[in-house]
């Protein structure tokens, strides 16, 4: 049986809204994911799960992707994620850096 991986949908820079970004970052797990991704070019979902259930992590990555914070691509059966830092900086200058430096 041949399986086709679906392509992930990502919002355009013009479609990013501050409300969606802040909502996505309001969850401590999602904020932790963003902070981890800020330190690496990309990472798989499994590298960032912290022992959490796959279904929970899928939900968190979907929220981050829908908000425009994360770009996800399929490599075989693995989902690789990267932070959309340049897009976020262009749309909301200084916001991501401010969020990442707050502890």
PDB file of N, CA and C in Angstrom:
ATOM      1  N   UNK A   1       0.836  -1.166   0.000  1.00  0.00           N
ATOM      2  CA  UNK A   1       0.000   0.000   0.000  1.00  0.00           C
ATOM      3  C   UNK A   1       0.896   1.250   0.000  1.00  0.00           C
ATOM      4  N   UNK A   2       0.586   2.170  -0.870  1.00  0.00           N
ATOM      5  CA  UNK A   2       1.342   3.418  -0.946  1.00  0.00           C
ATOM      6  C   UNK A   2       0.615   4.476  -0.128  1.00  0.00           C
ATOM      7  N   UNK A   3       1.362   5.152   0.729  1.00  0.00           N
ATOM      8  CA  UNK A   3       0.790   6.238   1.532  1.00  0.00           C
ATOM      9  C   UNK A   3       1.372   7.554   1.054  1.00  0.00           C
ATOM     10  N   UNK A   4       0.522   8.529   0.955  1.00  0.00           N
ATOM     11  CA  UNK A   4       0.971   9.855   0.583  1.00  0.00           C
ATOM     12  C   UNK A   4       0.904  10.748   1.808  1.00  0.00           C
ATOM     13  N   UNK A   5       1.994  11.434   2.066  1.00  0.00           N
ATOM     14  CA  UNK A   5       2.025  12.357   3.199  1.00  0.00           C
ATOM     15  C   UNK A   5       1.329  13.646   2.789  1.00  0.00           C
ATOM     16  N   UNK A   6       0.473  14.135   3.648  1.00  0.00           N
ATOM     17  CA  UNK A   6      -0.205  15.381   3.332  1.00  0.00           C
ATOM     18  C   UNK A   6       0.741  16.546   3.581  1.00  0.00           C
ATOM     19  N   UNK A   7       0.587  17.557   2.775  1.00  0.00           N
ATOM     20  CA  UNK A   7       1.393  18.758   2.965  1.00  0.00           C
ATOM     21  C   UNK A   7       0.759  19.591   4.072  1.00  0.00           C
ATOM     22  N   UNK A   8       1.576  20.173   4.896  1.00  0.00           N
ATOM     23  CA  UNK A   8       1.076  21.015   5.973  1.00  0.00           C
ATOM     24  C   UNK A   8       0.776  22.404   5.431  1.00  0.00           C
ATOM     25  N   UNK A   9      -0.272  23.014   5.963  1.00  0.00           N
ATOM     26  CA  UNK A   9      -0.630  24.373   5.571  1.00  0.00           C
ATOM     27  C   UNK A   9      -0.054  25.343   6.594  1.00  0.00           C
ATOM     28  N   UNK A  10       0.562  26.393   6.073  1.00  0.00           N
ATOM     29  CA  UNK A  10       1.156  27.418   6.922  1.00  0.00           C
ATOM     30  C   UNK A  10       0.596  28.771   6.516  1.00  0.00           C
ATOM     31  N   UNK A  11       0.261  29.620   7.472  1.00  0.00           N
ATOM     32  CA  UNK A  11      -0.266  30.938   7.113  1.00  0.00           C
ATOM     33  C   UNK A  11       0.807  31.800   6.443  1.00  0.00           C
ATOM     34  N   UNK A  12       0.363  32.657   5.545  1.00  0.00           N
ATOM     35  CA  UNK A  12       1.283  33.603   4.915  1.00  0.00           C
ATOM     36  C   UNK A  12       1.661  34.661   5.947  1.00  0.00           C
ATOM     37  N   UNK A  13       2.764  35.370   5.739  1.00  0.00           N
ATOM     38  CA  UNK A  13       3.134  36.430   6.688  1.00  0.00           C
ATOM     39  C   UNK A  13       2.015  37.448   6.906  1.00  0.00           C
ATOM     40  N   UNK A  14       1.285  37.759   5.855  1.00  0.00           N
ATOM     41  CA  UNK A  14       0.199  38.738   5.963  1.00  0.00           C
ATOM     42  C   UNK A  14      -0.953  38.223   6.827  1.00  0.00           C
ATOM     43  N   UNK A  15      -1.087  36.907   6.923  1.00  0.00           N
ATOM     44  CA  UNK A  15      -2.178  36.311   7.697  1.00  0.00           C
ATOM     45  C   UNK A  15      -1.850  36.132   9.177  1.00  0.00           C
ATOM     46  N   UNK A  16      -0.609  36.393   9.568  1.00  0.00           N
ATOM     47  CA  UNK A  16      -0.239  36.253  10.975  1.00  0.00           C
ATOM     48  C   UNK A  16      -0.890  37.363  11.791  1.00  0.00           C
ATOM     49  N   UNK A  17      -1.463  36.977  12.925  1.00  0.00           N
ATOM     50  CA  UNK A  17      -2.062  37.979  13.810  1.00  0.00           C
ATOM     51  C   UNK A  17      -1.427  37.874  15.191  1.00  0.00           C
ATOM     52  N   UNK A  18      -1.323  39.000  15.837  1.00  0.00           N
ATOM     53  CA  UNK A  18      -0.743  39.043  17.171  1.00  0.00           C
ATOM     54  C   UNK A  18      -1.569  38.206  18.146  1.00  0.00           C
ATOM     55  N   UNK A  19      -2.878  38.244  18.003  1.00  0.00           N
ATOM     56  CA  UNK A  19      -3.750  37.475  18.899  1.00  0.00           C
ATOM     57  C   UNK A  19      -3.464  35.980  18.825  1.00  0.00           C
ATOM     58  N   UNK A  20      -3.306  35.458  17.614  1.00  0.00           N
ATOM     59  CA  UNK A  20      -3.041  34.013  17.461  1.00  0.00           C
ATOM     60  C   UNK A  20      -1.659  33.648  17.986  1.00  0.00           C
ATOM     61  N   UNK A  21      -0.678  34.524  17.741  1.00  0.00           N
ATOM     62  CA  UNK A  21       0.671  34.262  18.248  1.00  0.00           C
ATOM     63  C   UNK A  21       0.672  34.215  19.774  1.00  0.00           C
ATOM     64  N   UNK A  22       0.045  35.208  20.385  1.00  0.00           N
ATOM     65  CA  UNK A  22       0.034  35.267  21.845  1.00  0.00           C
ATOM     66  C   UNK A  22      -0.764  34.112  22.447  1.00  0.00           C
ATOM     67  N   UNK A  23      -1.862  33.728  21.788  1.00  0.00           N
ATOM     68  CA  UNK A  23      -2.616  32.564  22.268  1.00  0.00           C
ATOM     69  C   UNK A  23      -1.735  31.311  22.219  1.00  0.00           C
ATOM     70  N   UNK A  24      -1.055  31.101  21.100  1.00  0.00           N
ATOM     71  CA  UNK A  24      -0.208  29.913  20.951  1.00  0.00           C
ATOM     72  C   UNK A  24       0.893  29.890  22.003  1.00  0.00           C
ATOM     73  N   UNK A  25       1.440  31.049  22.318  1.00  0.00           N
ATOM     74  CA  UNK A  25       2.537  31.124  23.278  1.00  0.00           C
ATOM     75  C   UNK A  25       2.068  31.152  24.730  1.00  0.00           C
ATOM     76  N   UNK A  26       0.767  31.221  24.953  1.00  0.00           N
ATOM     77  CA  UNK A  26       0.255  31.284  26.326  1.00  0.00           C
ATOM     78  C   UNK A  26       0.331  29.942  27.049  1.00  0.00           C
ATOM     79  N   UNK A  27       0.539  28.872  26.307  1.00  0.00           N
ATOM     80  CA  UNK A  27       0.654  27.547  26.911  1.00  0.00           C
ATOM     81  C   UNK A  27       2.127  27.264  27.214  1.00  0.00           C
ATOM     82  N   UNK A  28       2.468  26.846  28.433  1.00  0.00           N
ATOM     83  CA  UNK A  28       3.869  26.602  28.786  1.00  0.00           C
ATOM     84  C   UNK A  28       4.558  25.546  27.920  1.00  0.00           C
ATOM     85  N   UNK A  29       3.835  24.524  27.502  1.00  0.00           N
ATOM     86  CA  UNK A  29       4.434  23.483  26.655  1.00  0.00           C
ATOM     87  C   UNK A  29       4.802  24.073  25.297  1.00  0.00           C
ATOM     88  N   UNK A  30       3.902  24.842  24.713  1.00  0.00           N
ATOM     89  CA  UNK A  30       4.187  25.442  23.406  1.00  0.00           C
ATOM     90  C   UNK A  30       5.313  26.467  23.502  1.00  0.00           C
ATOM     91  N   UNK A  31       5.343  27.220  24.578  1.00  0.00           N
ATOM     92  CA  UNK A  31       6.427  28.182  24.773  1.00  0.00           C
ATOM     93  C   UNK A  31       7.765  27.454  24.886  1.00  0.00           C
ATOM     94  N   UNK A  32       7.779  26.338  25.578  1.00  0.00           N
ATOM     95  CA  UNK A  32       8.995  25.527  25.697  1.00  0.00           C
ATOM     96  C   UNK A  32       9.435  25.005  24.323  1.00  0.00           C
ATOM     97  N   UNK A  33       8.491  24.573  23.500  1.00  0.00           N
ATOM     98  CA  UNK A  33       8.809  24.092  22.152  1.00  0.00           C
ATOM     99  C   UNK A  33       9.450  25.213  21.339  1.00  0.00           C
ATOM    100  N   UNK A  34       8.872  26.402  21.393  1.00  0.00           N
ATOM    101  CA  UNK A  34       9.409  27.543  20.641  1.00  0.00           C
ATOM    102  C   UNK A  34      10.815  27.880  21.124  1.00  0.00           C
ATOM    103  N   UNK A  35      11.025  27.868  22.425  1.00  0.00           N
ATOM    104  CA  UNK A  35      12.363  28.161  22.961  1.00  0.00           C
ATOM    105  C   UNK A  35      13.381  27.111  22.506  1.00  0.00           C
ATOM    106  N   UNK A  36      12.978  25.858  22.483  1.00  0.00           N
ATOM    107  CA  UNK A  36      13.878  24.799  22.007  1.00  0.00           C
ATOM    108  C   UNK A  36      14.199  24.981  20.531  1.00  0.00           C
ATOM    109  N   UNK A  37      13.174  25.285  19.729  1.00  0.00           N
ATOM    110  CA  UNK A  37      13.389  25.460  18.291  1.00  0.00           C
ATOM    111  C   UNK A  37      14.240  26.686  17.981  1.00  0.00           C
ATOM    112  N   UNK A  38      14.235  27.668  18.868  1.00  0.00           N
ATOM    113  CA  UNK A  38      15.042  28.872  18.649  1.00  0.00           C
ATOM    114  C   UNK A  38      16.532  28.558  18.687  1.00  0.00           C
ATOM    115  N   UNK A  39      16.897  27.444  19.318  1.00  0.00           N
ATOM    116  CA  UNK A  39      18.302  27.089  19.451  1.00  0.00           C
ATOM    117  C   UNK A  39      18.821  26.097  18.433  1.00  0.00           C
ATOM    118  N   UNK A  40      17.958  25.629  17.533  1.00  0.00           N
ATOM    119  CA  UNK A  40      18.373  24.636  16.535  1.00  0.00           C
ATOM    120  C   UNK A  40      17.761  24.982  15.179  1.00  0.00           C
ATOM    121  N   UNK A  41      18.394  24.531  14.083  1.00  0.00           N
ATOM    122  CA  UNK A  41      17.802  24.799  12.763  1.00  0.00           C
ATOM    123  C   UNK A  41      16.441  24.130  12.589  1.00  0.00           C
ATOM    124  N   UNK A  42      16.316  22.879  13.044  1.00  0.00           N
ATOM    125  CA  UNK A  42      15.042  22.164  13.010  1.00  0.00           C
ATOM    126  C   UNK A  42      15.138  20.948  13.913  1.00  0.00           C
ATOM    127  N   UNK A  43      13.972  20.434  14.296  1.00  0.00           N
ATOM    128  CA  UNK A  43      13.927  19.264  15.176  1.00  0.00           C
ATOM    129  C   UNK A  43      12.662  18.473  14.885  1.00  0.00           C
ATOM    130  N   UNK A  44      12.743  17.174  15.123  1.00  0.00           N
ATOM    131  CA  UNK A  44      11.564  16.327  14.933  1.00  0.00           C
ATOM    132  C   UNK A  44      10.635  16.474  16.133  1.00  0.00           C
ATOM    133  N   UNK A  45       9.393  16.086  15.934  1.00  0.00           N
ATOM    134  CA  UNK A  45       8.420  16.118  17.037  1.00  0.00           C
ATOM    135  C   UNK A  45       8.910  15.263  18.198  1.00  0.00           C
ATOM    136  N   UNK A  46       9.478  14.112  17.880  1.00  0.00           N
ATOM    137  CA  UNK A  46       9.959  13.203  18.911  1.00  0.00           C
ATOM    138  C   UNK A  46      11.094  13.777  19.740  1.00  0.00           C
ATOM    139  N   UNK A  47      11.921  14.614  19.129  1.00  0.00           N
ATOM    140  CA  UNK A  47      13.024  15.234  19.865  1.00  0.00           C
ATOM    141  C   UNK A  47      12.531  16.260  20.880  1.00  0.00           C
ATOM    142  N   UNK A  48      11.326  16.749  20.678  1.00  0.00           N
ATOM    143  CA  UNK A  48      10.802  17.824  21.520  1.00  0.00           C
ATOM    144  C   UNK A  48       9.655  17.392  22.419  1.00  0.00           C
ATOM    145  N   UNK A  49       9.330  16.097  22.440  1.00  0.00           N
ATOM    146  CA  UNK A  49       8.118  15.678  23.152  1.00  0.00           C
ATOM    147  C   UNK A  49       8.243  15.684  24.667  1.00  0.00           C
ATOM    148  N   UNK A  50       9.444  15.598  25.198  1.00  0.00           N
ATOM    149  CA  UNK A  50       9.608  15.636  26.648  1.00  0.00           C
ATOM    150  C   UNK A  50       8.836  14.547  27.372  1.00  0.00           C
ATOM    151  N   UNK A  51       8.604  13.418  26.698  1.00  0.00           N
ATOM    152  CA  UNK A  51       7.868  12.315  27.304  1.00  0.00           C
ATOM    153  C   UNK A  51       6.358  12.479  27.275  1.00  0.00           C
ATOM    154  N   UNK A  52       5.888  13.501  26.596  1.00  0.00           N
ATOM    155  CA  UNK A  52       4.439  13.738  26.507  1.00  0.00           C
ATOM    156  C   UNK A  52       3.829  12.832  25.437  1.00  0.00           C
ATOM    157  N   UNK A  53       2.530  12.551  25.543  1.00  0.00           N
ATOM    158  CA  UNK A  53       1.862  11.702  24.547  1.00  0.00           C
ATOM    159  C   UNK A  53       1.907  12.323  23.147  1.00  0.00           C
ATOM    160  N   UNK A  54       1.991  11.465  22.147  1.00  0.00           N
ATOM    161  CA  UNK A  54       2.053  11.916  20.759  1.00  0.00           C
ATOM    162  C   UNK A  54       0.838  12.766  20.387  1.00  0.00           C
ATOM    163  N   UNK A  55      -0.343  12.375  20.861  1.00  0.00           N
ATOM    164  CA  UNK A  55      -1.556  13.129  20.525  1.00  0.00           C
ATOM    165  C   UNK A  55      -1.499  14.543  21.095  1.00  0.00           C
ATOM    166  N   UNK A  56      -0.964  14.675  22.278  1.00  0.00           N
ATOM    167  CA  UNK A  56      -0.823  15.994  22.905  1.00  0.00           C
ATOM    168  C   UNK A  56       0.158  16.859  22.117  1.00  0.00           C
ATOM    169  N   UNK A  57       1.271  16.266  21.715  1.00  0.00           N
ATOM    170  CA  UNK A  57       2.273  17.023  20.962  1.00  0.00           C
ATOM    171  C   UNK A  57       1.751  17.405  19.583  1.00  0.00           C
ATOM    172  N   UNK A  58       0.986  16.522  18.952  1.00  0.00           N
ATOM    173  CA  UNK A  58       0.387  16.853  17.650  1.00  0.00           C
ATOM    174  C   UNK A  58      -0.500  18.079  17.772  1.00  0.00           C
ATOM    175  N   UNK A  59      -1.270  18.137  18.844  1.00  0.00           N
ATOM    176  CA  UNK A  59      -2.134  19.299  19.083  1.00  0.00           C
ATOM    177  C   UNK A  59      -1.293  20.570  19.246  1.00  0.00           C
ATOM    178  N   UNK A  60      -0.250  20.504  20.064  1.00  0.00           N
ATOM    179  CA  UNK A  60       0.583  21.689  20.300  1.00  0.00           C
ATOM    180  C   UNK A  60       1.258  22.168  19.014  1.00  0.00           C
ATOM    181  N   UNK A  61       1.769  21.240  18.224  1.00  0.00           N
ATOM    182  CA  UNK A  61       2.410  21.640  16.967  1.00  0.00           C
ATOM    183  C   UNK A  61       1.398  22.221  15.988  1.00  0.00           C
ATOM    184  N   UNK A  62       0.180  21.701  15.981  1.00  0.00           N
ATOM    185  CA  UNK A  62      -0.850  22.263  15.100  1.00  0.00           C
ATOM    186  C   UNK A  62      -1.161  23.701  15.490  1.00  0.00           C
ATOM    187  N   UNK A  63      -1.300  23.961  16.786  1.00  0.00           N
ATOM    188  CA  UNK A  63      -1.576  25.326  17.250  1.00  0.00           C
ATOM    189  C   UNK A  63      -0.423  26.253  16.869  1.00  0.00           C
ATOM    190  N   UNK A  64       0.806  25.809  17.075  1.00  0.00           N
ATOM    191  CA  UNK A  64       1.972  26.627  16.717  1.00  0.00           C
ATOM    192  C   UNK A  64       2.045  26.872  15.214  1.00  0.00           C
ATOM    193  N   UNK A  65       1.743  25.833  14.441  1.00  0.00           N
ATOM    194  CA  UNK A  65       1.768  25.959  12.976  1.00  0.00           C
ATOM    195  C   UNK A  65       0.659  26.894  12.501  1.00  0.00           C
ATOM    196  N   UNK A  66      -0.545  26.733  13.024  1.00  0.00           N
ATOM    197  CA  UNK A  66      -1.675  27.575  12.628  1.00  0.00           C
ATOM    198  C   UNK A  66      -1.453  29.039  12.992  1.00  0.00           C
ATOM    199  N   UNK A  67      -0.707  29.281  14.068  1.00  0.00           N
ATOM    200  CA  UNK A  67      -0.403  30.653  14.478  1.00  0.00           C
ATOM    201  C   UNK A  67       0.713  31.255  13.632  1.00  0.00           C
ATOM    202  N   UNK A  68       1.449  30.399  12.912  1.00  0.00           N
ATOM    203  CA  UNK A  68       2.535  30.880  12.066  1.00  0.00           C
ATOM    204  C   UNK A  68       3.893  30.878  12.729  1.00  0.00           C
ATOM    205  N   UNK A  69       3.991  30.289  13.903  1.00  0.00           N
ATOM    206  CA  UNK A  69       5.264  30.260  14.622  1.00  0.00           C
ATOM    207  C   UNK A  69       6.217  29.186  14.112  1.00  0.00           C
ATOM    208  N   UNK A  70       5.660  28.086  13.644  1.00  0.00           N
ATOM    209  CA  UNK A  70       6.462  26.916  13.286  1.00  0.00           C
ATOM    210  C   UNK A  70       6.162  26.486  11.853  1.00  0.00           C
ATOM    211  N   UNK A  71       7.212  26.052  11.165  1.00  0.00           N
ATOM    212  CA  UNK A  71       7.063  25.450   9.836  1.00  0.00           C
ATOM    213  C   UNK A  71       7.326  23.958   9.999  1.00  0.00           C
ATOM    214  N   UNK A  72       6.435  23.129   9.480  1.00  0.00           N
ATOM    215  CA  UNK A  72       6.564  21.676   9.582  1.00  0.00           C
ATOM    216  C   UNK A  72       6.657  21.078   8.190  1.00  0.00           C
ATOM    217  N   UNK A  73       7.602  20.149   8.025  1.00  0.00           N
ATOM    218  CA  UNK A  73       7.732  19.437   6.753  1.00  0.00           C
ATOM    219  C   UNK A  73       7.900  17.952   7.055  1.00  0.00           C
ATOM    220  N   UNK A  74       7.464  17.139   6.113  1.00  0.00           N
ATOM    221  CA  UNK A  74       7.575  15.690   6.266  1.00  0.00           C
ATOM    222  C   UNK A  74       8.851  15.194   5.618  1.00  0.00           C
ATOM    223  N   UNK A  75       9.551  14.329   6.338  1.00  0.00           N
ATOM    224  CA  UNK A  75      10.718  13.629   5.815  1.00  0.00           C
ATOM    225  C   UNK A  75      10.443  12.157   6.094  1.00  0.00           C
ATOM    226  N   UNK A  76       9.931  11.469   5.086  1.00  0.00           N
ATOM    227  CA  UNK A  76       9.476  10.099   5.309  1.00  0.00           C
ATOM    228  C   UNK A  76       8.298  10.119   6.261  1.00  0.00           C
ATOM    229  N   UNK A  77       8.430   9.413   7.376  1.00  0.00           N
ATOM    230  CA  UNK A  77       7.352   9.403   8.369  1.00  0.00           C
ATOM    231  C   UNK A  77       7.616  10.380   9.519  1.00  0.00           C
ATOM    232  N   UNK A  78       8.700  11.122   9.414  1.00  0.00           N
ATOM    233  CA  UNK A  78       9.072  12.070  10.464  1.00  0.00           C
ATOM    234  C   UNK A  78       8.616  13.470  10.103  1.00  0.00           C
ATOM    235  N   UNK A  79       8.154  14.210  11.092  1.00  0.00           N
ATOM    236  CA  UNK A  79       7.791  15.614  10.896  1.00  0.00           C
ATOM    237  C   UNK A  79       8.896  16.476  11.487  1.00  0.00           C
ATOM    238  N   UNK A  80       9.519  17.263  10.618  1.00  0.00           N
ATOM    239  CA  UNK A  80      10.584  18.162  11.043  1.00  0.00           C
ATOM    240  C   UNK A  80      10.009  19.564  11.203  1.00  0.00           C
ATOM    241  N   UNK A  81      10.379  20.216  12.284  1.00  0.00           N
ATOM    242  CA  UNK A  81       9.830  21.525  12.625  1.00  0.00           C
ATOM    243  C   UNK A  81      10.939  22.551  12.750  1.00  0.00           C
ATOM    244  N   UNK A  82      10.648  23.754  12.299  1.00  0.00           N
ATOM    245  CA  UNK A  82      11.583  24.863  12.458  1.00  0.00           C
ATOM    246  C   UNK A  82      10.802  26.116  12.825  1.00  0.00           C
ATOM    247  N   UNK A  83      11.466  26.991  13.536  1.00  0.00           N
ATOM    248  CA  UNK A  83      10.868  28.257  13.935  1.00  0.00           C
ATOM    249  C   UNK A  83      10.885  29.207  12.741  1.00  0.00           C
ATOM    250  N   UNK A  84       9.799  29.906  12.511  1.00  0.00           N
ATOM    251  CA  UNK A  84       9.716  30.852  11.388  1.00  0.00           C
ATOM    252  C   UNK A  84      10.220  32.226  11.847  1.00  0.00           C
ATOM    253  N   UNK A  85      11.446  32.247  12.335  1.00  0.00           N
ATOM    254  CA  UNK A  85      12.019  33.443  12.937  1.00  0.00           C
ATOM    255  C   UNK A  85      12.060  34.651  12.022  1.00  0.00           C
ATOM    256  N   UNK A  86      12.503  34.456  10.786  1.00  0.00           N
ATOM    257  CA  UNK A  86      12.610  35.586   9.855  1.00  0.00           C
ATOM    258  C   UNK A  86      11.241  36.161   9.523  1.00  0.00           C
ATOM    259  N   UNK A  87      10.276  35.296   9.301  1.00  0.00           N
ATOM    260  CA  UNK A  87       8.914  35.743   8.987  1.00  0.00           C
ATOM    261  C   UNK A  87       8.333  36.513  10.172  1.00  0.00           C
ATOM    262  N   UNK A  88       8.530  35.979  11.372  1.00  0.00           N
ATOM    263  CA  UNK A  88       7.999  36.631  12.568  1.00  0.00           C
ATOM    264  C   UNK A  88       8.667  37.980  12.809  1.00  0.00           C
ATOM    265  N   UNK A  89       9.965  38.044  12.590  1.00  0.00           N
ATOM    266  CA  UNK A  89      10.684  39.302  12.788  1.00  0.00           C
ATOM    267  C   UNK A  89      10.227  40.356  11.787  1.00  0.00           C
ATOM    268  N   UNK A  90       9.984  39.931  10.569  1.00  0.00           N
ATOM    269  CA  UNK A  90       9.521  40.869   9.540  1.00  0.00           C
ATOM    270  C   UNK A  90       8.123  41.401   9.870  1.00  0.00           C
ATOM    271  N   UNK A  91       7.262  40.522  10.349  1.00  0.00           N
ATOM    272  CA  UNK A  91       5.864  40.902  10.613  1.00  0.00           C
ATOM    273  C   UNK A  91       5.708  41.645  11.940  1.00  0.00           C
ATOM    274  N   UNK A  92       6.417  41.169  12.981  1.00  0.00           N
ATOM    275  CA  UNK A  92       6.326  41.760  14.321  1.00  0.00           C
ATOM    276  C   UNK A  92       7.741  41.984  14.859  1.00  0.00           C
ATOM    277  N   UNK A  93       8.411  43.038  14.412  1.00  0.00           N
ATOM    278  CA  UNK A  93       9.810  43.275  14.795  1.00  0.00           C
ATOM    279  C   UNK A  93      10.023  43.279  16.316  1.00  0.00           C
ATOM    280  N   UNK A  94      10.991  42.472  16.749  1.00  0.00           N
ATOM    281  CA  UNK A  94      11.378  42.427  18.152  1.00  0.00           C
ATOM    282  C   UNK A  94      10.514  41.563  19.055  1.00  0.00           C
ATOM    283  N   UNK A  95       9.355  41.138  18.591  1.00  0.00           N
ATOM    284  CA  UNK A  95       8.438  40.379  19.446  1.00  0.00           C
ATOM    285  C   UNK A  95       9.024  39.033  19.866  1.00  0.00           C
ATOM    286  N   UNK A  96       9.489  38.257  18.912  1.00  0.00           N
ATOM    287  CA  UNK A  96       9.998  36.923  19.229  1.00  0.00           C
ATOM    288  C   UNK A  96      11.196  37.010  20.164  1.00  0.00           C
ATOM    289  N   UNK A  97      12.109  37.918  19.892  1.00  0.00           N
ATOM    290  CA  UNK A  97      13.286  38.065  20.755  1.00  0.00           C
ATOM    291  C   UNK A  97      12.878  38.441  22.173  1.00  0.00           C
ATOM    292  N   UNK A  98      11.895  39.314  22.298  1.00  0.00           N
ATOM    293  CA  UNK A  98      11.403  39.699  23.630  1.00  0.00           C
ATOM    294  C   UNK A  98      10.815  38.505  24.366  1.00  0.00           C
ATOM    295  N   UNK A  99      10.070  37.694  23.658  1.00  0.00           N
ATOM    296  CA  UNK A  99       9.450  36.514  24.268  1.00  0.00           C
ATOM    297  C   UNK A  99      10.508  35.494  24.674  1.00  0.00           C
ATOM    298  N   UNK A 100      11.500  35.297  23.825  1.00  0.00           N
ATOM    299  CA  UNK A 100      12.529  34.297  24.099  1.00  0.00           C
ATOM    300  C   UNK A 100      13.433  34.691  25.261  1.00  0.00           C
ATOM    301  N   UNK A 101      13.616  35.982  25.490  1.00  0.00           N
ATOM    302  CA  UNK A 101      14.510  36.409  26.569  1.00  0.00           C
ATOM    303  C   UNK A 101      13.813  36.486  27.920  1.00  0.00           C
ATOM    304  N   UNK A 102      12.492  36.427  27.948  1.00  0.00           N
ATOM    305  CA  UNK A 102      11.750  36.451  29.212  1.00  0.00           C
ATOM    306  C   UNK A 102      11.749  35.064  29.834  1.00  0.00           C
ATOM    307  N   UNK A 103      11.985  34.986  31.112  1.00  0.00           N
ATOM    308  CA  UNK A 103      11.962  33.694  31.821  1.00  0.00           C
ATOM    309  C   UNK A 103      11.061  33.768  33.000  1.00  0.00           C
TER     310      UNK A 103
END
